[in-house]
Amino acid sequence: MGKKYIEENIEKLRKQRDDRIKDGYRAYVVKVYVYLRKGIELSKTDYCNPKYSDMSKAIYGDRNQESKIRAFIKDLKKSGYITVYGVGTEKEIKIVKELDF
């Protein structure tokens, strides 16, 4: 994913913030980011390893939205806000920088 695409995507997210669009893509990306931040705080380490089904339940109210959660995490990673190392029970998600959108 190119730098130009990332910059354009972040600009779209900022526009959603500025236009105060509710329940849009940005709102869910922020909810995922906040969930990860809280998970890191609770783990008392610099990373967390959340279950996508638990994140889906917390954000959407059911466990059937794991694919959306995975997509949001992928977008946060590609945009440089988080890093994801490992897979499964060995996965470590770290926050690299604060949201600026």
PDB file of N, CA and C in Angstrom:
ATOM      1  N   MET A   1       0.861  -1.169   0.000  1.00  0.00           N
ATOM      2  CA  MET A   1       0.000   0.000   0.000  1.00  0.00           C
ATOM      3  C   MET A   1       0.899   1.221   0.000  1.00  0.00           C
ATOM      4  N   GLY A   2       0.669   2.104  -0.958  1.00  0.00           N
ATOM      5  CA  GLY A   2       1.525   3.256  -1.136  1.00  0.00           C
ATOM      6  C   GLY A   2       1.271   4.363  -0.136  1.00  0.00           C
ATOM      7  N   LYS A   3       2.263   5.198  -0.015  1.00  0.00           N
ATOM      8  CA  LYS A   3       2.178   6.328   0.907  1.00  0.00           C
ATOM      9  C   LYS A   3       1.041   7.262   0.527  1.00  0.00           C
ATOM     10  N   LYS A   4       0.837   7.444  -0.785  1.00  0.00           N
ATOM     11  CA  LYS A   4      -0.232   8.327  -1.242  1.00  0.00           C
ATOM     12  C   LYS A   4      -1.600   7.801  -0.799  1.00  0.00           C
ATOM     13  N   TYR A   5      -1.806   6.481  -0.927  1.00  0.00           N
ATOM     14  CA  TYR A   5      -3.071   5.879  -0.512  1.00  0.00           C
ATOM     15  C   TYR A   5      -3.305   6.091   0.983  1.00  0.00           C
ATOM     16  N   ILE A   6      -2.269   5.892   1.779  1.00  0.00           N
ATOM     17  CA  ILE A   6      -2.380   6.066   3.229  1.00  0.00           C
ATOM     18  C   ILE A   6      -2.739   7.507   3.562  1.00  0.00           C
ATOM     19  N   GLU A   7      -2.071   8.460   2.923  1.00  0.00           N
ATOM     20  CA  GLU A   7      -2.356   9.876   3.176  1.00  0.00           C
ATOM     21  C   GLU A   7      -3.790  10.228   2.792  1.00  0.00           C
ATOM     22  N   GLU A   8      -4.252   9.690   1.653  1.00  0.00           N
ATOM     23  CA  GLU A   8      -5.627   9.954   1.226  1.00  0.00           C
ATOM     24  C   GLU A   8      -6.629   9.342   2.203  1.00  0.00           C
ATOM     25  N   ASN A   9      -6.338   8.148   2.680  1.00  0.00           N
ATOM     26  CA  ASN A   9      -7.229   7.487   3.630  1.00  0.00           C
ATOM     27  C   ASN A   9      -7.310   8.279   4.940  1.00  0.00           C
ATOM     28  N   ILE A  10      -6.179   8.757   5.420  1.00  0.00           N
ATOM     29  CA  ILE A  10      -6.163   9.534   6.657  1.00  0.00           C
ATOM     30  C   ILE A  10      -6.920  10.843   6.464  1.00  0.00           C
ATOM     31  N   GLU A  11      -6.808  11.455   5.295  1.00  0.00           N
ATOM     32  CA  GLU A  11      -7.560  12.683   5.017  1.00  0.00           C
ATOM     33  C   GLU A  11      -9.060  12.421   5.035  1.00  0.00           C
ATOM     34  N   LYS A  12      -9.492  11.288   4.494  1.00  0.00           N
ATOM     35  CA  LYS A  12     -10.915  10.920   4.539  1.00  0.00           C
ATOM     36  C   LYS A  12     -11.379  10.766   5.980  1.00  0.00           C
ATOM     37  N   LEU A  13     -10.540  10.151   6.810  1.00  0.00           N
ATOM     38  CA  LEU A  13     -10.894   9.967   8.218  1.00  0.00           C
ATOM     39  C   LEU A  13     -10.984  11.307   8.941  1.00  0.00           C
ATOM     40  N   ARG A  14     -10.080  12.203   8.639  1.00  0.00           N
ATOM     41  CA  ARG A  14     -10.130  13.545   9.248  1.00  0.00           C
ATOM     42  C   ARG A  14     -11.386  14.283   8.823  1.00  0.00           C
ATOM     43  N   LYS A  15     -11.773  14.115   7.562  1.00  0.00           N
ATOM     44  CA  LYS A  15     -12.989  14.759   7.074  1.00  0.00           C
ATOM     45  C   LYS A  15     -14.208  14.207   7.811  1.00  0.00           C
ATOM     46  N   GLN A  16     -14.253  12.905   8.033  1.00  0.00           N
ATOM     47  CA  GLN A  16     -15.367  12.322   8.790  1.00  0.00           C
ATOM     48  C   GLN A  16     -15.401  12.888  10.203  1.00  0.00           C
ATOM     49  N   ARG A  17     -14.226  13.080  10.802  1.00  0.00           N
ATOM     50  CA  ARG A  17     -14.156  13.670  12.141  1.00  0.00           C
ATOM     51  C   ARG A  17     -14.677  15.093  12.116  1.00  0.00           C
ATOM     52  N   ASP A  18     -14.202  15.877  11.164  1.00  0.00           N
ATOM     53  CA  ASP A  18     -14.588  17.281  11.081  1.00  0.00           C
ATOM     54  C   ASP A  18     -16.066  17.458  10.757  1.00  0.00           C
ATOM     55  N   ASP A  19     -16.612  16.547   9.944  1.00  0.00           N
ATOM     56  CA  ASP A  19     -18.031  16.605   9.596  1.00  0.00           C
ATOM     57  C   ASP A  19     -18.922  15.957  10.650  1.00  0.00           C
ATOM     58  N   ARG A  20     -18.297  15.401  11.679  1.00  0.00           N
ATOM     59  CA  ARG A  20     -18.992  14.742  12.796  1.00  0.00           C
ATOM     60  C   ARG A  20     -19.947  13.643  12.310  1.00  0.00           C
ATOM     61  N   ILE A  21     -19.454  12.808  11.424  1.00  0.00           N
ATOM     62  CA  ILE A  21     -20.239  11.675  10.936  1.00  0.00           C
ATOM     63  C   ILE A  21     -20.251  10.605  12.010  1.00  0.00           C
ATOM     64  N   LYS A  22     -21.440  10.171  12.389  1.00  0.00           N
ATOM     65  CA  LYS A  22     -21.573   9.165  13.452  1.00  0.00           C
ATOM     66  C   LYS A  22     -21.693   7.785  12.834  1.00  0.00           C
ATOM     67  N   ASP A  23     -21.120   6.801  13.498  1.00  0.00           N
ATOM     68  CA  ASP A  23     -21.156   5.400  13.092  1.00  0.00           C
ATOM     69  C   ASP A  23     -20.590   5.176  11.697  1.00  0.00           C
ATOM     70  N   GLY A  24     -19.698   6.017  11.284  1.00  0.00           N
ATOM     71  CA  GLY A  24     -19.009   5.829  10.017  1.00  0.00           C
ATOM     72  C   GLY A  24     -17.762   4.996  10.239  1.00  0.00           C
ATOM     73  N   TYR A  25     -17.020   4.809   9.179  1.00  0.00           N
ATOM     74  CA  TYR A  25     -15.788   4.019   9.223  1.00  0.00           C
ATOM     75  C   TYR A  25     -14.838   4.536  10.311  1.00  0.00           C
ATOM     76  N   ARG A  26     -14.648   5.843  10.380  1.00  0.00           N
ATOM     77  CA  ARG A  26     -13.740   6.436  11.354  1.00  0.00           C
ATOM     78  C   ARG A  26     -14.134   6.078  12.779  1.00  0.00           C
ATOM     79  N   ALA A  27     -15.425   6.128  13.078  1.00  0.00           N
ATOM     80  CA  ALA A  27     -15.893   5.837  14.440  1.00  0.00           C
ATOM     81  C   ALA A  27     -15.473   4.439  14.865  1.00  0.00           C
ATOM     82  N   TYR A  28     -15.582   3.481  13.973  1.00  0.00           N
ATOM     83  CA  TYR A  28     -15.212   2.111  14.325  1.00  0.00           C
ATOM     84  C   TYR A  28     -13.704   1.922  14.413  1.00  0.00           C
ATOM     85  N   VAL A  29     -12.962   2.596  13.559  1.00  0.00           N
ATOM     86  CA  VAL A  29     -11.501   2.521  13.651  1.00  0.00           C
ATOM     87  C   VAL A  29     -11.042   3.077  15.002  1.00  0.00           C
ATOM     88  N   VAL A  30     -11.632   4.182  15.424  1.00  0.00           N
ATOM     89  CA  VAL A  30     -11.278   4.779  16.713  1.00  0.00           C
ATOM     90  C   VAL A  30     -11.654   3.836  17.859  1.00  0.00           C
ATOM     91  N   LYS A  31     -12.814   3.210  17.778  1.00  0.00           N
ATOM     92  CA  LYS A  31     -13.229   2.261  18.822  1.00  0.00           C
ATOM     93  C   LYS A  31     -12.255   1.092  18.928  1.00  0.00           C
ATOM     94  N   VAL A  32     -11.796   0.581  17.796  1.00  0.00           N
ATOM     95  CA  VAL A  32     -10.812  -0.506  17.805  1.00  0.00           C
ATOM     96  C   VAL A  32      -9.513  -0.025  18.444  1.00  0.00           C
ATOM     97  N   TYR A  33      -9.065   1.170  18.075  1.00  0.00           N
ATOM     98  CA  TYR A  33      -7.833   1.733  18.633  1.00  0.00           C
ATOM     99  C   TYR A  33      -7.950   1.899  20.152  1.00  0.00           C
ATOM    100  N   VAL A  34      -9.071   2.428  20.603  1.00  0.00           N
ATOM    101  CA  VAL A  34      -9.287   2.629  22.047  1.00  0.00           C
ATOM    102  C   VAL A  34      -9.314   1.283  22.766  1.00  0.00           C
ATOM    103  N   TYR A  35      -9.958   0.284  22.170  1.00  0.00           N
ATOM    104  CA  TYR A  35      -9.993  -1.056  22.764  1.00  0.00           C
ATOM    105  C   TYR A  35      -8.568  -1.601  22.913  1.00  0.00           C
ATOM    106  N   LEU A  36      -7.748  -1.426  21.887  1.00  0.00           N
ATOM    107  CA  LEU A  36      -6.358  -1.887  21.959  1.00  0.00           C
ATOM    108  C   LEU A  36      -5.591  -1.134  23.039  1.00  0.00           C
ATOM    109  N   ARG A  37      -5.792   0.172  23.108  1.00  0.00           N
ATOM    110  CA  ARG A  37      -5.098   0.968  24.139  1.00  0.00           C
ATOM    111  C   ARG A  37      -5.464   0.485  25.541  1.00  0.00           C
ATOM    112  N   LYS A  38      -6.744   0.250  25.774  1.00  0.00           N
ATOM    113  CA  LYS A  38      -7.186  -0.235  27.083  1.00  0.00           C
ATOM    114  C   LYS A  38      -6.625  -1.617  27.368  1.00  0.00           C
ATOM    115  N   GLY A  39      -6.559  -2.456  26.340  1.00  0.00           N
ATOM    116  CA  GLY A  39      -5.976  -3.792  26.512  1.00  0.00           C
ATOM    117  C   GLY A  39      -4.518  -3.722  26.908  1.00  0.00           C
ATOM    118  N   ILE A  40      -3.788  -2.797  26.321  1.00  0.00           N
ATOM    119  CA  ILE A  40      -2.378  -2.618  26.667  1.00  0.00           C
ATOM    120  C   ILE A  40      -2.246  -2.120  28.100  1.00  0.00           C
ATOM    121  N   GLU A  41      -3.091  -1.179  28.488  1.00  0.00           N
ATOM    122  CA  GLU A  41      -3.055  -0.661  29.861  1.00  0.00           C
ATOM    123  C   GLU A  41      -3.345  -1.765  30.874  1.00  0.00           C
ATOM    124  N   LEU A  42      -4.338  -2.597  30.582  1.00  0.00           N
ATOM    125  CA  LEU A  42      -4.705  -3.685  31.489  1.00  0.00           C
ATOM    126  C   LEU A  42      -3.640  -4.774  31.558  1.00  0.00           C
ATOM    127  N   SER A  43      -2.909  -4.978  30.466  1.00  0.00           N
ATOM    128  CA  SER A  43      -1.886  -6.020  30.449  1.00  0.00           C
ATOM    129  C   SER A  43      -0.624  -5.610  31.197  1.00  0.00           C
ATOM    130  N   LYS A  44      -0.501  -4.312  31.464  1.00  0.00           N
ATOM    131  CA  LYS A  44       0.672  -3.758  32.144  1.00  0.00           C
ATOM    132  C   LYS A  44       1.973  -4.087  31.390  1.00  0.00           C
ATOM    133  N   THR A  45       1.851  -4.196  30.071  1.00  0.00           N
ATOM    134  CA  THR A  45       3.005  -4.373  29.186  1.00  0.00           C
ATOM    135  C   THR A  45       2.877  -3.324  28.087  1.00  0.00           C
ATOM    136  N   ASP A  46       3.717  -3.448  27.067  1.00  0.00           N
ATOM    137  CA  ASP A  46       3.620  -2.499  25.957  1.00  0.00           C
ATOM    138  C   ASP A  46       2.867  -3.091  24.766  1.00  0.00           C
ATOM    139  N   TYR A  47       2.149  -4.199  25.003  1.00  0.00           N
ATOM    140  CA  TYR A  47       1.365  -4.819  23.938  1.00  0.00           C
ATOM    141  C   TYR A  47       0.146  -5.519  24.517  1.00  0.00           C
ATOM    142  N   CYS A  48      -0.759  -5.933  23.632  1.00  0.00           N
ATOM    143  CA  CYS A  48      -1.902  -6.743  24.045  1.00  0.00           C
ATOM    144  C   CYS A  48      -2.140  -7.820  22.993  1.00  0.00           C
ATOM    145  N   ASN A  49      -2.923  -8.816  23.337  1.00  0.00           N
ATOM    146  CA  ASN A  49      -3.257  -9.902  22.432  1.00  0.00           C
ATOM    147  C   ASN A  49      -4.752 -10.191  22.570  1.00  0.00           C
ATOM    148  N   PRO A  50      -5.587  -9.299  22.050  1.00  0.00           N
ATOM    149  CA  PRO A  50      -7.032  -9.463  22.209  1.00  0.00           C
ATOM    150  C   PRO A  50      -7.599 -10.520  21.262  1.00  0.00           C
ATOM    151  N   LYS A  51      -8.692 -11.116  21.673  1.00  0.00           N
ATOM    152  CA  LYS A  51      -9.423 -12.018  20.785  1.00  0.00           C
ATOM    153  C   LYS A  51     -10.332 -11.146  19.928  1.00  0.00           C
ATOM    154  N   TYR A  52     -10.318 -11.409  18.640  1.00  0.00           N
ATOM    155  CA  TYR A  52     -11.142 -10.609  17.732  1.00  0.00           C
ATOM    156  C   TYR A  52     -12.630 -10.764  18.045  1.00  0.00           C
ATOM    157  N   SER A  53     -13.026 -11.940  18.516  1.00  0.00           N
ATOM    158  CA  SER A  53     -14.439 -12.140  18.865  1.00  0.00           C
ATOM    159  C   SER A  53     -14.829 -11.284  20.060  1.00  0.00           C
ATOM    160  N   ASP A  54     -13.923 -11.120  21.021  1.00  0.00           N
ATOM    161  CA  ASP A  54     -14.207 -10.252  22.174  1.00  0.00           C
ATOM    162  C   ASP A  54     -14.286  -8.783  21.742  1.00  0.00           C
ATOM    163  N   MET A  55     -13.412  -8.395  20.826  1.00  0.00           N
ATOM    164  CA  MET A  55     -13.458  -7.019  20.323  1.00  0.00           C
ATOM    165  C   MET A  55     -14.764  -6.778  19.578  1.00  0.00           C
ATOM    166  N   SER A  56     -15.188  -7.746  18.790  1.00  0.00           N
ATOM    167  CA  SER A  56     -16.445  -7.635  18.045  1.00  0.00           C
ATOM    168  C   SER A  56     -17.617  -7.471  19.001  1.00  0.00           C
ATOM    169  N   LYS A  57     -17.610  -8.248  20.072  1.00  0.00           N
ATOM    170  CA  LYS A  57     -18.690  -8.185  21.070  1.00  0.00           C
ATOM    171  C   LYS A  57     -18.706  -6.804  21.729  1.00  0.00           C
ATOM    172  N   ALA A  58     -17.539  -6.287  22.077  1.00  0.00           N
ATOM    173  CA  ALA A  58     -17.456  -4.987  22.752  1.00  0.00           C
ATOM    174  C   ALA A  58     -17.858  -3.836  21.839  1.00  0.00           C
ATOM    175  N   ILE A  59     -17.496  -3.912  20.571  1.00  0.00           N
ATOM    176  CA  ILE A  59     -17.720  -2.795  19.657  1.00  0.00           C
ATOM    177  C   ILE A  59     -19.067  -2.871  18.948  1.00  0.00           C
ATOM    178  N   TYR A  60     -19.435  -4.061  18.513  1.00  0.00           N
ATOM    179  CA  TYR A  60     -20.671  -4.229  17.737  1.00  0.00           C
ATOM    180  C   TYR A  60     -21.826  -4.849  18.520  1.00  0.00           C
ATOM    181  N   GLY A  61     -21.520  -5.451  19.679  1.00  0.00           N
ATOM    182  CA  GLY A  61     -22.577  -6.079  20.461  1.00  0.00           C
ATOM    183  C   GLY A  61     -22.798  -7.543  20.122  1.00  0.00           C
ATOM    184  N   ASP A  62     -22.058  -8.063  19.153  1.00  0.00           N
ATOM    185  CA  ASP A  62     -22.117  -9.492  18.860  1.00  0.00           C
ATOM    186  C   ASP A  62     -20.746  -9.959  18.377  1.00  0.00           C
ATOM    187  N   ARG A  63     -20.567 -11.239  18.325  1.00  0.00           N
ATOM    188  CA  ARG A  63     -19.260 -11.798  17.974  1.00  0.00           C
ATOM    189  C   ARG A  63     -19.123 -12.107  16.489  1.00  0.00           C
ATOM    190  N   ASN A  64     -20.051 -11.670  15.669  1.00  0.00           N
ATOM    191  CA  ASN A  64     -20.075 -12.044  14.255  1.00  0.00           C
ATOM    192  C   ASN A  64     -19.399 -11.035  13.333  1.00  0.00           C
ATOM    193  N   GLN A  65     -18.692 -10.072  13.885  1.00  0.00           N
ATOM    194  CA  GLN A  65     -18.082  -9.014  13.067  1.00  0.00           C
ATOM    195  C   GLN A  65     -16.558  -9.079  13.097  1.00  0.00           C
ATOM    196  N   GLU A  66     -16.009 -10.274  13.315  1.00  0.00           N
ATOM    197  CA  GLU A  66     -14.557 -10.412  13.405  1.00  0.00           C
ATOM    198  C   GLU A  66     -13.850  -9.948  12.133  1.00  0.00           C
ATOM    199  N   SER A  67     -14.454 -10.190  10.985  1.00  0.00           N
ATOM    200  CA  SER A  67     -13.796  -9.798   9.729  1.00  0.00           C
ATOM    201  C   SER A  67     -13.638  -8.278   9.650  1.00  0.00           C
ATOM    202  N   LYS A  68     -14.617  -7.544  10.160  1.00  0.00           N
ATOM    203  CA  LYS A  68     -14.507  -6.079  10.169  1.00  0.00           C
ATOM    204  C   LYS A  68     -13.404  -5.635  11.128  1.00  0.00           C
ATOM    205  N   ILE A  69     -13.336  -6.286  12.290  1.00  0.00           N
ATOM    206  CA  ILE A  69     -12.290  -5.965  13.271  1.00  0.00           C
ATOM    207  C   ILE A  69     -10.922  -6.204  12.652  1.00  0.00           C
ATOM    208  N   ARG A  70     -10.760  -7.331  11.979  1.00  0.00           N
ATOM    209  CA  ARG A  70      -9.488  -7.646  11.317  1.00  0.00           C
ATOM    210  C   ARG A  70      -9.137  -6.579  10.275  1.00  0.00           C
ATOM    211  N   ALA A  71     -10.134  -6.118   9.530  1.00  0.00           N
ATOM    212  CA  ALA A  71      -9.899  -5.085   8.513  1.00  0.00           C
ATOM    213  C   ALA A  71      -9.461  -3.769   9.159  1.00  0.00           C
ATOM    214  N   PHE A  72     -10.098  -3.387  10.268  1.00  0.00           N
ATOM    215  CA  PHE A  72      -9.713  -2.146  10.957  1.00  0.00           C
ATOM    216  C   PHE A  72      -8.289  -2.247  11.488  1.00  0.00           C
ATOM    217  N   ILE A  73      -7.938  -3.404  12.054  1.00  0.00           N
ATOM    218  CA  ILE A  73      -6.588  -3.607  12.580  1.00  0.00           C
ATOM    219  C   ILE A  73      -5.580  -3.556  11.427  1.00  0.00           C
ATOM    220  N   LYS A  74      -5.926  -4.162  10.320  1.00  0.00           N
ATOM    221  CA  LYS A  74      -5.056  -4.138   9.143  1.00  0.00           C
ATOM    222  C   LYS A  74      -4.832  -2.705   8.660  1.00  0.00           C
ATOM    223  N   ASP A  75      -5.895  -1.908   8.631  1.00  0.00           N
ATOM    224  CA  ASP A  75      -5.768  -0.511   8.200  1.00  0.00           C
ATOM    225  C   ASP A  75      -4.926   0.304   9.182  1.00  0.00           C
ATOM    226  N   LEU A  76      -5.124   0.084  10.476  1.00  0.00           N
ATOM    227  CA  LEU A  76      -4.312   0.786  11.477  1.00  0.00           C
ATOM    228  C   LEU A  76      -2.840   0.408  11.327  1.00  0.00           C
ATOM    229  N   LYS A  77      -2.592  -0.856  11.063  1.00  0.00           N
ATOM    230  CA  LYS A  77      -1.217  -1.318  10.877  1.00  0.00           C
ATOM    231  C   LYS A  77      -0.593  -0.692   9.629  1.00  0.00           C
ATOM    232  N   LYS A  78      -1.307  -0.741   8.502  1.00  0.00           N
ATOM    233  CA  LYS A  78      -0.770  -0.197   7.254  1.00  0.00           C
ATOM    234  C   LYS A  78      -0.563   1.308   7.320  1.00  0.00           C
ATOM    235  N   SER A  79      -1.344   1.975   8.152  1.00  0.00           N
ATOM    236  CA  SER A  79      -1.220   3.429   8.301  1.00  0.00           C
ATOM    237  C   SER A  79      -0.168   3.819   9.326  1.00  0.00           C
ATOM    238  N   GLY A  80       0.455   2.840   9.978  1.00  0.00           N
ATOM    239  CA  GLY A  80       1.555   3.114  10.892  1.00  0.00           C
ATOM    240  C   GLY A  80       1.158   3.445  12.319  1.00  0.00           C
ATOM    241  N   TYR A  81      -0.089   3.167  12.710  1.00  0.00           N
ATOM    242  CA  TYR A  81      -0.529   3.472  14.071  1.00  0.00           C
ATOM    243  C   TYR A  81      -0.261   2.336  15.045  1.00  0.00           C
ATOM    244  N   ILE A  82      -0.243   1.114  14.547  1.00  0.00           N
ATOM    245  CA  ILE A  82       0.033  -0.050  15.396  1.00  0.00           C
ATOM    246  C   ILE A  82       0.986  -0.987  14.661  1.00  0.00           C
ATOM    247  N   THR A  83       1.586  -1.898  15.421  1.00  0.00           N
ATOM    248  CA  THR A  83       2.347  -2.997  14.836  1.00  0.00           C
ATOM    249  C   THR A  83       1.730  -4.287  15.337  1.00  0.00           C
ATOM    250  N   VAL A  84       1.809  -5.323  14.512  1.00  0.00           N
ATOM    251  CA  VAL A  84       1.300  -6.636  14.883  1.00  0.00           C
ATOM    252  C   VAL A  84       2.409  -7.643  14.604  1.00  0.00           C
ATOM    253  N   TYR A  85       2.839  -8.325  15.670  1.00  0.00           N
ATOM    254  CA  TYR A  85       3.868  -9.352  15.552  1.00  0.00           C
ATOM    255  C   TYR A  85       3.261 -10.685  15.947  1.00  0.00           C
ATOM    256  N   GLY A  86       3.633 -11.734  15.246  1.00  0.00           N
ATOM    257  CA  GLY A  86       3.181 -13.071  15.591  1.00  0.00           C
ATOM    258  C   GLY A  86       1.741 -13.320  15.169  1.00  0.00           C
ATOM    259  N   VAL A  87       1.250 -14.511  15.502  1.00  0.00           N
ATOM    260  CA  VAL A  87      -0.119 -14.914  15.188  1.00  0.00           C
ATOM    261  C   VAL A  87      -0.702 -15.698  16.354  1.00  0.00           C
ATOM    262  N   GLY A  88      -2.023 -15.802  16.356  1.00  0.00           N
ATOM    263  CA  GLY A  88      -2.711 -16.605  17.375  1.00  0.00           C
ATOM    264  C   GLY A  88      -2.409 -16.152  18.785  1.00  0.00           C
ATOM    265  N   THR A  89      -2.111 -17.112  19.648  1.00  0.00           N
ATOM    266  CA  THR A  89      -1.854 -16.794  21.058  1.00  0.00           C
ATOM    267  C   THR A  89      -0.516 -16.092  21.254  1.00  0.00           C
ATOM    268  N   GLU A  90       0.323 -16.101  20.232  1.00  0.00           N
ATOM    269  CA  GLU A  90       1.630 -15.441  20.308  1.00  0.00           C
ATOM    270  C   GLU A  90       1.608 -14.029  19.728  1.00  0.00           C
ATOM    271  N   LYS A  91       0.433 -13.547  19.327  1.00  0.00           N
ATOM    272  CA  LYS A  91       0.312 -12.239  18.684  1.00  0.00           C
ATOM    273  C   LYS A  91       0.556 -11.114  19.695  1.00  0.00           C
ATOM    274  N   GLU A  92       1.263 -10.100  19.246  1.00  0.00           N
ATOM    275  CA  GLU A  92       1.499  -8.901  20.057  1.00  0.00           C
ATOM    276  C   GLU A  92       1.115  -7.686  19.229  1.00  0.00           C
ATOM    277  N   ILE A  93       0.141  -6.918  19.717  1.00  0.00           N
ATOM    278  CA  ILE A  93      -0.260  -5.683  19.049  1.00  0.00           C
ATOM    279  C   ILE A  93       0.226  -4.523  19.904  1.00  0.00           C
ATOM    280  N   LYS A  94       1.038  -3.660  19.297  1.00  0.00           N
ATOM    281  CA  LYS A  94       1.594  -2.499  19.996  1.00  0.00           C
ATOM    282  C   LYS A  94       1.129  -1.222  19.316  1.00  0.00           C
ATOM    283  N   ILE A  95       0.924  -0.193  20.107  1.00  0.00           N
ATOM    284  CA  ILE A  95       0.588   1.122  19.565  1.00  0.00           C
ATOM    285  C   ILE A  95       1.884   1.865  19.297  1.00  0.00           C
ATOM    286  N   VAL A  96       2.012   2.362  18.069  1.00  0.00           N
ATOM    287  CA  VAL A  96       3.229   3.052  17.649  1.00  0.00           C
ATOM    288  C   VAL A  96       3.078   4.558  17.792  1.00  0.00           C
ATOM    289  N   LYS A  97       1.881   5.068  17.419  1.00  0.00           N
ATOM    290  CA  LYS A  97       1.661   6.500  17.531  1.00  0.00           C
ATOM    291  C   LYS A  97       0.182   6.779  17.811  1.00  0.00           C
ATOM    292  N   GLU A  98      -0.065   7.959  18.339  1.00  0.00           N
ATOM    293  CA  GLU A  98      -1.421   8.372  18.662  1.00  0.00           C
ATOM    294  C   GLU A  98      -2.214   8.666  17.398  1.00  0.00           C
ATOM    295  N   LEU A  99      -3.510   8.510  17.481  1.00  0.00           N
ATOM    296  CA  LEU A  99      -4.373   8.856  16.348  1.00  0.00           C
ATOM    297  C   LEU A  99      -4.303  10.353  16.096  1.00  0.00           C
ATOM    298  N   ASP A 100      -4.270  10.722  14.837  1.00  0.00           N
ATOM    299  CA  ASP A 100      -4.254  12.142  14.480  1.00  0.00           C
ATOM    300  C   ASP A 100      -5.357  12.437  13.457  1.00  0.00           C
ATOM    301  N   PHE A 101      -6.402  11.654  13.519  1.00  0.00           N
ATOM    302  CA  PHE A 101      -7.542  11.882  12.629  1.00  0.00           C
ATOM    303  C   PHE A 101      -8.829  11.812  13.395  1.00  0.00           C
TER     304      PHE A 101
END
